[in-house]
Amino acid sequence: MKQILIAILITITATSGYAQKCIESFIKTKPDTQYIISGENNDLVIDSKTNLMWMRCSIGLTWDGVGCSGDSSKYSWQQALNLASEYVFSGYDDWRLPNFKELVSLIEISCFNNAINEFIFPNIEEYDYFSSTPSKLDVTKVRTVNFDLGSGNISRAKEDNLAVRLVRNY
């Protein structure tokens, strides 16, 4: 059943534009009510189910009060880990690269062409995001999440340059 649904989503994605598509008959798995918008500029989000605090925008983008503007910065995995360990944002200095399970927790399974709550995390321009979790099958790779179709079963080379979204415990 899961493979059939994925095949349908891939077919619809291939024949439609790039705007987010959601299956209205599915119950939202990441409703707006799950999140608490926080920070002086509303640039932080607290997930009430996981007790994690997320940056609303990917690294390189800036919250402008309506959405995330600019261009996502890309980093290798080691660069992303180093950046996170030194990053200060909105008064917090304990940001980190999310582990695979944490990053997957953002996937909205009722949507594709950005399988994420776009009101909470707007302007996703890059689909592949690094987690801090290395691949168990290949030491040169790391687990990533693709927010286009909401896939978390992807491993990418540590040297690839991907988007980054940081998290901290709340």
Protein backbone atom coordinates (compact mmCIF):
# COMPACT_ATOMS: atom_id res chain seq x y z
CA MET A 1 0.00 0.00 0.00
CA LYS A 2 2.81 2.41 0.92
CA GLN A 3 4.56 1.74 -2.41
CA ILE A 4 1.33 2.37 -4.32
CA LEU A 5 0.81 5.70 -2.54
CA ILE A 6 4.41 6.73 -3.24
CA ALA A 7 4.01 5.79 -6.91
CA ILE A 8 0.83 7.89 -7.11
CA LEU A 9 2.57 10.85 -5.48
CA ILE A 10 5.55 10.57 -7.82
CA THR A 11 3.20 10.48 -10.83
CA ILE A 12 1.25 13.50 -9.61
CA THR A 13 4.48 15.37 -8.82
CA ALA A 14 5.89 14.69 -12.27
CA THR A 15 2.76 16.03 -13.97
CA SER A 16 2.07 19.05 -11.76
CA GLY A 17 3.84 22.32 -11.00
CA TYR A 18 6.11 22.90 -8.08
CA ALA A 19 3.51 24.26 -5.66
CA GLN A 20 2.86 22.20 -2.55
CA LYS A 21 0.15 19.62 -3.01
CA CYS A 22 -1.72 18.06 -0.10
CA ILE A 23 -4.17 15.19 -0.13
CA GLU A 24 -7.22 16.74 1.48
CA SER A 25 -8.71 13.42 2.60
CA PHE A 26 -5.64 12.74 4.76
CA ILE A 27 -5.54 14.02 8.31
CA LYS A 28 -2.68 16.48 8.75
CA THR A 29 0.16 14.94 10.73
CA LYS A 30 1.83 18.30 11.45
CA PRO A 31 -1.03 20.78 12.00
CA ASP A 32 -0.33 24.43 12.84
CA THR A 33 -1.61 23.76 16.36
CA GLN A 34 1.31 21.42 17.04
CA TYR A 35 3.72 24.34 16.83
CA ILE A 36 4.29 27.44 18.94
CA ILE A 37 5.80 30.35 17.06
CA SER A 38 8.39 32.02 19.27
CA GLY A 39 11.34 34.39 19.29
CA GLU A 40 11.45 38.17 19.21
CA ASN A 41 10.85 38.15 15.46
CA ASN A 42 8.71 34.98 15.28
CA ASP A 43 11.76 33.29 13.78
CA LEU A 44 11.66 30.24 16.06
CA VAL A 45 9.23 27.35 16.35
CA ILE A 46 8.64 25.03 19.28
CA ASP A 47 7.25 21.60 18.42
CA SER A 48 4.92 20.76 21.31
CA LYS A 49 5.09 17.02 20.57
CA THR A 50 8.86 16.65 20.48
CA ASN A 51 9.88 19.57 22.73
CA LEU A 52 12.35 20.70 20.10
CA MET A 53 12.95 24.29 19.05
CA TRP A 54 13.59 24.83 15.36
CA MET A 55 14.75 27.76 13.31
CA ARG A 56 11.89 28.67 10.96
CA CYS A 57 14.28 29.32 8.09
CA SER A 58 17.08 27.20 6.69
CA ILE A 59 20.59 28.54 7.22
CA GLY A 60 21.19 31.37 4.74
CA LEU A 61 17.55 32.46 4.69
CA THR A 62 16.24 35.25 6.88
CA TRP A 63 12.81 35.51 8.50
CA ASP A 64 11.27 38.75 7.19
CA GLY A 65 8.03 38.63 9.18
CA VAL A 66 6.12 36.87 6.41
CA GLY A 67 8.43 34.20 5.12
CA CYS A 68 12.03 33.22 4.64
CA SER A 69 13.90 35.38 2.14
CA GLY A 70 17.28 35.01 0.51
CA ASP A 71 19.04 31.86 -0.63
CA SER A 72 19.77 28.73 1.37
CA SER A 73 23.42 28.19 2.16
CA LYS A 74 24.89 24.80 1.33
CA TYR A 75 27.39 22.94 3.43
CA SER A 76 29.22 19.65 3.49
CA TRP A 77 28.30 17.46 6.45
CA GLN A 78 31.43 18.35 8.43
CA GLN A 79 30.94 22.04 7.69
CA ALA A 80 27.33 21.77 8.90
CA LEU A 81 28.40 20.06 12.13
CA ASN A 82 31.06 22.73 12.73
CA LEU A 83 28.64 25.56 11.95
CA ALA A 84 26.02 24.20 14.33
CA SER A 85 28.48 23.86 17.21
CA GLU A 86 29.36 27.57 16.97
CA TYR A 87 26.04 29.04 15.86
CA VAL A 88 24.33 31.77 17.88
CA PHE A 89 20.80 32.67 16.86
CA SER A 90 18.01 34.52 18.63
CA GLY A 91 20.00 34.52 21.88
CA TYR A 92 20.71 30.77 21.95
CA ASP A 93 24.13 29.19 21.48
CA ASP A 94 23.24 25.50 21.82
CA TRP A 95 22.04 24.85 18.26
CA ARG A 96 22.92 21.54 16.65
CA LEU A 97 22.35 19.55 13.51
CA PRO A 98 19.25 17.43 14.09
CA ASN A 99 19.59 13.68 14.18
CA PHE A 100 17.75 11.69 11.55
CA LYS A 101 14.73 10.92 13.73
CA GLU A 102 14.32 14.60 14.67
CA LEU A 103 14.55 15.78 11.07
CA VAL A 104 12.05 13.17 9.90
CA SER A 105 9.65 14.41 12.59
CA LEU A 106 9.05 17.52 10.43
CA ILE A 107 7.63 15.55 7.50
CA GLU A 108 3.96 16.23 6.77
CA ILE A 109 2.85 12.94 5.19
CA SER A 110 -0.32 14.36 3.63
CA CYS A 111 1.69 16.71 1.38
CA PHE A 112 4.39 16.58 -1.28
CA ASN A 113 6.31 19.15 -3.31
CA ASN A 114 7.35 20.22 0.16
CA ALA A 115 6.24 17.59 2.61
CA ILE A 116 6.41 20.00 5.53
CA ASN A 117 4.04 22.47 7.16
CA GLU A 118 4.70 25.47 4.88
CA PHE A 119 2.99 27.95 7.18
CA ILE A 120 5.42 27.10 9.98
CA PHE A 121 8.47 26.46 7.74
CA PRO A 122 7.91 28.62 4.64
CA ASN A 123 9.94 28.99 1.48
CA ILE A 124 11.65 25.60 1.43
CA GLU A 125 13.82 25.96 -1.63
CA GLU A 126 16.10 23.00 -1.13
CA TYR A 127 14.76 19.51 -0.69
CA ASP A 128 17.69 17.59 0.78
CA TYR A 129 18.75 18.38 4.35
CA PHE A 130 21.58 16.88 6.35
CA SER A 131 20.97 15.09 9.63
CA SER A 132 23.75 14.40 12.13
CA THR A 133 23.25 10.64 11.70
CA PRO A 134 25.89 8.77 9.69
CA SER A 135 24.81 5.97 7.36
CA LYS A 136 25.12 2.51 8.88
CA LEU A 137 25.88 1.00 5.46
CA ASP A 138 28.53 3.36 4.15
CA VAL A 139 30.94 5.41 6.30
CA THR A 140 31.28 8.00 3.52
CA LYS A 141 27.57 8.83 3.66
CA VAL A 142 25.10 10.44 6.03
CA ARG A 143 21.33 10.12 6.43
CA THR A 144 19.36 12.97 4.91
CA VAL A 145 15.73 13.96 4.54
CA ASN A 146 14.19 15.05 1.28
CA PHE A 147 11.28 17.42 1.84
CA ASP A 148 10.03 17.20 -1.74
CA LEU A 149 8.28 13.85 -1.32
CA GLY A 150 8.92 13.49 2.40
CA SER A 151 11.49 10.74 2.05
CA GLY A 152 13.84 9.86 4.87
CA ASN A 153 15.46 6.84 3.30
CA ILE A 154 18.22 8.67 1.50
CA SER A 155 21.93 8.64 2.20
CA ARG A 156 24.13 11.27 0.62
CA ALA A 157 27.88 11.68 0.50
CA LYS A 158 29.34 13.65 3.41
CA GLU A 159 31.03 15.91 0.87
CA ASP A 160 27.76 16.88 -0.86
CA ASN A 161 26.63 20.44 -0.26
CA LEU A 162 23.14 20.42 1.22
CA ALA A 163 20.77 22.70 3.08
CA VAL A 164 20.80 22.85 6.87
CA ARG A 165 18.11 23.53 9.47
CA LEU A 166 19.27 23.69 13.08
CA VAL A 167 17.49 22.53 16.20
CA ARG A 168 17.89 22.71 19.97
CA ASN A 169 16.22 21.05 22.91
CA TYR A 170 13.50 23.21 24.39
